[in-house]
Amino acid sequence: MPIDPYALESPAEFFAVASEQFFEAPATLREHLPDVYRQLEQFYRQHPF
């Protein structure tokens, strides 16, 4: 699973879990949720992968 199911509890949890994935496993996030990955790249102004 590319992202913890807990992320579906609320928009705030999705943002928190996706952000954690962005920094800890960016390749997985980019592979499974490329639009989310691109948004977080813009938000954080970082390219971890």
PDB file of N, CA and C in Angstrom:
ATOM      1  N   MET A   1       0.845  -1.187   0.000  1.00  0.00           N
ATOM      2  CA  MET A   1       0.000   0.000   0.000  1.00  0.00           C
ATOM      3  C   MET A   1       0.886   1.244   0.000  1.00  0.00           C
ATOM      4  N   PRO A   2       0.631   2.184  -0.894  1.00  0.00           N
ATOM      5  CA  PRO A   2       1.498   3.345  -1.012  1.00  0.00           C
ATOM      6  C   PRO A   2       1.362   4.348   0.126  1.00  0.00           C
ATOM      7  N   ILE A   3       0.209   4.373   0.792  1.00  0.00           N
ATOM      8  CA  ILE A   3       0.011   5.366   1.849  1.00  0.00           C
ATOM      9  C   ILE A   3      -0.850   4.736   2.949  1.00  0.00           C
ATOM     10  N   ASP A   4      -0.575   5.098   4.169  1.00  0.00           N
ATOM     11  CA  ASP A   4      -1.278   4.551   5.326  1.00  0.00           C
ATOM     12  C   ASP A   4      -2.779   4.852   5.231  1.00  0.00           C
ATOM     13  N   PRO A   5      -3.631   3.850   5.432  1.00  0.00           N
ATOM     14  CA  PRO A   5      -5.078   4.074   5.357  1.00  0.00           C
ATOM     15  C   PRO A   5      -5.585   5.131   6.351  1.00  0.00           C
ATOM     16  N   TYR A   6      -4.831   5.378   7.392  1.00  0.00           N
ATOM     17  CA  TYR A   6      -5.198   6.408   8.364  1.00  0.00           C
ATOM     18  C   TYR A   6      -5.337   7.768   7.692  1.00  0.00           C
ATOM     19  N   ALA A   7      -4.699   7.940   6.566  1.00  0.00           N
ATOM     20  CA  ALA A   7      -4.760   9.206   5.832  1.00  0.00           C
ATOM     21  C   ALA A   7      -6.180   9.534   5.384  1.00  0.00           C
ATOM     22  N   LEU A   8      -7.034   8.539   5.309  1.00  0.00           N
ATOM     23  CA  LEU A   8      -8.401   8.766   4.839  1.00  0.00           C
ATOM     24  C   LEU A   8      -9.340   9.265   5.929  1.00  0.00           C
ATOM     25  N   GLU A   9      -8.828   9.426   7.147  1.00  0.00           N
ATOM     26  CA  GLU A   9      -9.661   9.883   8.266  1.00  0.00           C
ATOM     27  C   GLU A   9     -10.147  11.321   8.099  1.00  0.00           C
ATOM     28  N   SER A  10      -9.316  12.173   7.537  1.00  0.00           N
ATOM     29  CA  SER A  10      -9.686  13.585   7.350  1.00  0.00           C
ATOM     30  C   SER A  10      -8.675  14.238   6.409  1.00  0.00           C
ATOM     31  N   PRO A  11      -9.010  15.384   5.856  1.00  0.00           N
ATOM     32  CA  PRO A  11      -8.052  16.086   4.993  1.00  0.00           C
ATOM     33  C   PRO A  11      -6.747  16.423   5.717  1.00  0.00           C
ATOM     34  N   ALA A  12      -6.840  16.785   6.985  1.00  0.00           N
ATOM     35  CA  ALA A  12      -5.624  17.121   7.739  1.00  0.00           C
ATOM     36  C   ALA A  12      -4.734  15.895   7.896  1.00  0.00           C
ATOM     37  N   GLU A  13      -5.338  14.742   8.167  1.00  0.00           N
ATOM     38  CA  GLU A  13      -4.545  13.517   8.291  1.00  0.00           C
ATOM     39  C   GLU A  13      -3.943  13.117   6.953  1.00  0.00           C
ATOM     40  N   PHE A  14      -4.694  13.307   5.869  1.00  0.00           N
ATOM     41  CA  PHE A  14      -4.138  12.996   4.549  1.00  0.00           C
ATOM     42  C   PHE A  14      -2.907  13.843   4.290  1.00  0.00           C
ATOM     43  N   PHE A  15      -3.010  15.127   4.577  1.00  0.00           N
ATOM     44  CA  PHE A  15      -1.869  16.022   4.372  1.00  0.00           C
ATOM     45  C   PHE A  15      -0.676  15.575   5.215  1.00  0.00           C
ATOM     46  N   ALA A  16      -0.915  15.226   6.475  1.00  0.00           N
ATOM     47  CA  ALA A  16       0.169  14.808   7.371  1.00  0.00           C
ATOM     48  C   ALA A  16       0.815  13.516   6.897  1.00  0.00           C
ATOM     49  N   VAL A  17       0.008  12.535   6.551  1.00  0.00           N
ATOM     50  CA  VAL A  17       0.541  11.237   6.119  1.00  0.00           C
ATOM     51  C   VAL A  17       1.241  11.369   4.762  1.00  0.00           C
ATOM     52  N   ALA A  18       0.656  12.124   3.852  1.00  0.00           N
ATOM     53  CA  ALA A  18       1.286  12.312   2.538  1.00  0.00           C
ATOM     54  C   ALA A  18       2.601  13.073   2.681  1.00  0.00           C
ATOM     55  N   SER A  19       2.646  14.047   3.570  1.00  0.00           N
ATOM     56  CA  SER A  19       3.885  14.791   3.806  1.00  0.00           C
ATOM     57  C   SER A  19       4.971  13.880   4.363  1.00  0.00           C
ATOM     58  N   GLU A  20       4.597  13.024   5.291  1.00  0.00           N
ATOM     59  CA  GLU A  20       5.557  12.070   5.856  1.00  0.00           C
ATOM     60  C   GLU A  20       6.101  11.160   4.751  1.00  0.00           C
ATOM     61  N   GLN A  21       5.207  10.670   3.913  1.00  0.00           N
ATOM     62  CA  GLN A  21       5.615   9.798   2.800  1.00  0.00           C
ATOM     63  C   GLN A  21       6.515  10.567   1.824  1.00  0.00           C
ATOM     64  N   PHE A  22       6.214  11.816   1.593  1.00  0.00           N
ATOM     65  CA  PHE A  22       6.979  12.656   0.675  1.00  0.00           C
ATOM     66  C   PHE A  22       8.450  12.715   1.079  1.00  0.00           C
ATOM     67  N   PHE A  23       8.704  12.801   2.379  1.00  0.00           N
ATOM     68  CA  PHE A  23      10.082  12.905   2.855  1.00  0.00           C
ATOM     69  C   PHE A  23      10.728  11.554   3.142  1.00  0.00           C
ATOM     70  N   GLU A  24       9.945  10.562   3.525  1.00  0.00           N
ATOM     71  CA  GLU A  24      10.517   9.267   3.908  1.00  0.00           C
ATOM     72  C   GLU A  24      10.568   8.254   2.767  1.00  0.00           C
ATOM     73  N   ALA A  25       9.627   8.319   1.850  1.00  0.00           N
ATOM     74  CA  ALA A  25       9.591   7.378   0.727  1.00  0.00           C
ATOM     75  C   ALA A  25       9.051   8.087  -0.516  1.00  0.00           C
ATOM     76  N   PRO A  26       9.775   9.096  -0.990  1.00  0.00           N
ATOM     77  CA  PRO A  26       9.266   9.896  -2.100  1.00  0.00           C
ATOM     78  C   PRO A  26       9.036   9.114  -3.393  1.00  0.00           C
ATOM     79  N   ALA A  27       9.859   8.126  -3.669  1.00  0.00           N
ATOM     80  CA  ALA A  27       9.688   7.357  -4.907  1.00  0.00           C
ATOM     81  C   ALA A  27       8.357   6.608  -4.908  1.00  0.00           C
ATOM     82  N   THR A  28       7.976   6.068  -3.776  1.00  0.00           N
ATOM     83  CA  THR A  28       6.713   5.342  -3.667  1.00  0.00           C
ATOM     84  C   THR A  28       5.536   6.292  -3.854  1.00  0.00           C
ATOM     85  N   LEU A  29       5.604   7.441  -3.212  1.00  0.00           N
ATOM     86  CA  LEU A  29       4.527   8.415  -3.352  1.00  0.00           C
ATOM     87  C   LEU A  29       4.423   8.872  -4.806  1.00  0.00           C
ATOM     88  N   ARG A  30       5.542   9.159  -5.418  1.00  0.00           N
ATOM     89  CA  ARG A  30       5.535   9.625  -6.809  1.00  0.00           C
ATOM     90  C   ARG A  30       4.985   8.555  -7.754  1.00  0.00           C
ATOM     91  N   GLU A  31       5.293   7.308  -7.484  1.00  0.00           N
ATOM     92  CA  GLU A  31       4.815   6.219  -8.337  1.00  0.00           C
ATOM     93  C   GLU A  31       3.302   6.028  -8.221  1.00  0.00           C
ATOM     94  N   HIS A  32       2.782   6.044  -6.991  1.00  0.00           N
ATOM     95  CA  HIS A  32       1.380   5.717  -6.763  1.00  0.00           C
ATOM     96  C   HIS A  32       0.441   6.921  -6.767  1.00  0.00           C
ATOM     97  N   LEU A  33       0.940   8.077  -6.358  1.00  0.00           N
ATOM     98  CA  LEU A  33       0.111   9.287  -6.302  1.00  0.00           C
ATOM     99  C   LEU A  33       0.893  10.469  -6.893  1.00  0.00           C
ATOM    100  N   PRO A  34       1.145  10.440  -8.193  1.00  0.00           N
ATOM    101  CA  PRO A  34       2.003  11.457  -8.799  1.00  0.00           C
ATOM    102  C   PRO A  34       1.463  12.882  -8.660  1.00  0.00           C
ATOM    103  N   ASP A  35       0.154  13.058  -8.696  1.00  0.00           N
ATOM    104  CA  ASP A  35      -0.396  14.407  -8.556  1.00  0.00           C
ATOM    105  C   ASP A  35      -0.156  14.959  -7.149  1.00  0.00           C
ATOM    106  N   VAL A  36      -0.309  14.102  -6.160  1.00  0.00           N
ATOM    107  CA  VAL A  36      -0.047  14.519  -4.776  1.00  0.00           C
ATOM    108  C   VAL A  36       1.433  14.844  -4.621  1.00  0.00           C
ATOM    109  N   TYR A  37       2.284  14.000  -5.185  1.00  0.00           N
ATOM    110  CA  TYR A  37       3.726  14.247  -5.123  1.00  0.00           C
ATOM    111  C   TYR A  37       4.066  15.610  -5.709  1.00  0.00           C
ATOM    112  N   ARG A  38       3.520  15.935  -6.875  1.00  0.00           N
ATOM    113  CA  ARG A  38       3.806  17.225  -7.526  1.00  0.00           C
ATOM    114  C   ARG A  38       3.308  18.401  -6.680  1.00  0.00           C
ATOM    115  N   GLN A  39       2.141  18.250  -6.088  1.00  0.00           N
ATOM    116  CA  GLN A  39       1.621  19.320  -5.237  1.00  0.00           C
ATOM    117  C   GLN A  39       2.521  19.550  -4.023  1.00  0.00           C
ATOM    118  N   LEU A  40       2.991  18.465  -3.425  1.00  0.00           N
ATOM    119  CA  LEU A  40       3.865  18.603  -2.259  1.00  0.00           C
ATOM    120  C   LEU A  40       5.229  19.165  -2.660  1.00  0.00           C
ATOM    121  N   GLU A  41       5.711  18.831  -3.845  1.00  0.00           N
ATOM    122  CA  GLU A  41       6.949  19.439  -4.354  1.00  0.00           C
ATOM    123  C   GLU A  41       6.810  20.959  -4.405  1.00  0.00           C
ATOM    124  N   GLN A  42       5.686  21.409  -4.901  1.00  0.00           N
ATOM    125  CA  GLN A  42       5.452  22.848  -4.996  1.00  0.00           C
ATOM    126  C   GLN A  42       5.272  23.462  -3.609  1.00  0.00           C
ATOM    127  N   PHE A  43       4.532  22.788  -2.752  1.00  0.00           N
ATOM    128  CA  PHE A  43       4.261  23.314  -1.419  1.00  0.00           C
ATOM    129  C   PHE A  43       5.541  23.460  -0.602  1.00  0.00           C
ATOM    130  N   TYR A  44       6.357  22.397  -0.585  1.00  0.00           N
ATOM    131  CA  TYR A  44       7.589  22.417   0.212  1.00  0.00           C
ATOM    132  C   TYR A  44       8.784  23.010  -0.527  1.00  0.00           C
ATOM    133  N   ARG A  45       8.635  23.196  -1.848  1.00  0.00           N
ATOM    134  CA  ARG A  45       9.733  23.698  -2.680  1.00  0.00           C
ATOM    135  C   ARG A  45      10.974  22.824  -2.553  1.00  0.00           C
ATOM    136  N   GLN A  46      10.719  21.522  -2.590  1.00  0.00           N
ATOM    137  CA  GLN A  46      11.804  20.543  -2.474  1.00  0.00           C
ATOM    138  C   GLN A  46      11.538  19.419  -3.471  1.00  0.00           C
ATOM    139  N   HIS A  47      12.614  18.739  -3.824  1.00  0.00           N
ATOM    140  CA  HIS A  47      12.553  17.618  -4.757  1.00  0.00           C
ATOM    141  C   HIS A  47      13.319  16.442  -4.143  1.00  0.00           C
ATOM    142  N   PRO A  48      12.682  15.723  -3.209  1.00  0.00           N
ATOM    143  CA  PRO A  48      13.414  14.672  -2.499  1.00  0.00           C
ATOM    144  C   PRO A  48      13.750  13.453  -3.353  1.00  0.00           C
ATOM    145  N   PHE A  49      13.112  13.322  -4.531  1.00  0.00           N
ATOM    146  CA  PHE A  49      13.399  12.150  -5.369  1.00  0.00           C
ATOM    147  C   PHE A  49      13.937  12.605  -6.691  1.00  0.00           C
TER     148      PHE A  49
END
